[in-house]
């Protein structure tokens, strides 16, 4: 049971890290805050 929880937590943590990386990449590619906000919002709508 503990192993399943650990795997689940690891998957959750990895997903969160990947999402953060994706957001940082978007921020680096945008020319202004408004563009960045729109692109991050689009991630939520997927």
Protein backbone atom coordinates (compact mmCIF):
# COMPACT_ATOMS: atom_id res chain seq x y z
CA UNK A 1 0.00 0.00 0.00
CA UNK A 2 2.80 2.44 0.84
CA UNK A 3 4.48 1.74 -2.50
CA UNK A 4 1.28 2.63 -4.35
CA UNK A 5 1.02 5.88 -2.44
CA UNK A 6 4.65 6.67 -3.13
CA UNK A 7 4.21 6.03 -6.86
CA UNK A 8 1.10 8.18 -6.87
CA UNK A 9 2.86 11.00 -5.07
CA UNK A 10 5.82 10.72 -7.42
CA UNK A 11 3.52 10.93 -10.44
CA UNK A 12 1.77 13.96 -8.99
CA UNK A 13 5.05 15.68 -8.21
CA UNK A 14 6.41 14.96 -11.69
CA UNK A 15 3.26 16.31 -13.32
CA UNK A 16 3.46 19.50 -11.27
CA UNK A 17 7.14 19.98 -12.15
CA UNK A 18 6.40 19.46 -15.84
CA UNK A 19 3.56 21.98 -15.70
CA UNK A 20 5.88 24.50 -14.04
CA UNK A 21 8.49 23.94 -16.75
CA UNK A 22 5.84 24.45 -19.42
CA UNK A 23 4.73 27.73 -17.81
CA UNK A 24 8.32 28.96 -17.53
CA UNK A 25 8.90 28.19 -21.20
CA UNK A 26 5.76 30.14 -22.11
CA UNK A 27 6.94 33.10 -20.02
CA UNK A 28 10.32 33.07 -21.73
CA UNK A 29 8.72 33.08 -25.18
CA UNK A 30 6.19 35.87 -24.59
CA UNK A 31 6.87 39.51 -25.31
CA UNK A 32 4.62 40.84 -22.53
CA UNK A 33 2.57 39.84 -19.52
CA UNK A 34 -0.77 39.90 -21.33
CA UNK A 35 0.44 37.42 -23.93
CA UNK A 36 1.81 35.18 -21.18
CA UNK A 37 -1.47 35.30 -19.27
CA UNK A 38 -3.42 34.29 -22.37
CA UNK A 39 -1.14 31.35 -23.10
CA UNK A 40 -1.23 30.11 -19.51
CA UNK A 41 -5.04 30.44 -19.50
CA UNK A 42 -5.11 28.33 -22.66
CA UNK A 43 -3.29 25.57 -20.74
CA UNK A 44 -6.13 25.48 -18.23
CA UNK A 45 -8.72 25.15 -20.98
CA UNK A 46 -7.14 22.00 -22.44
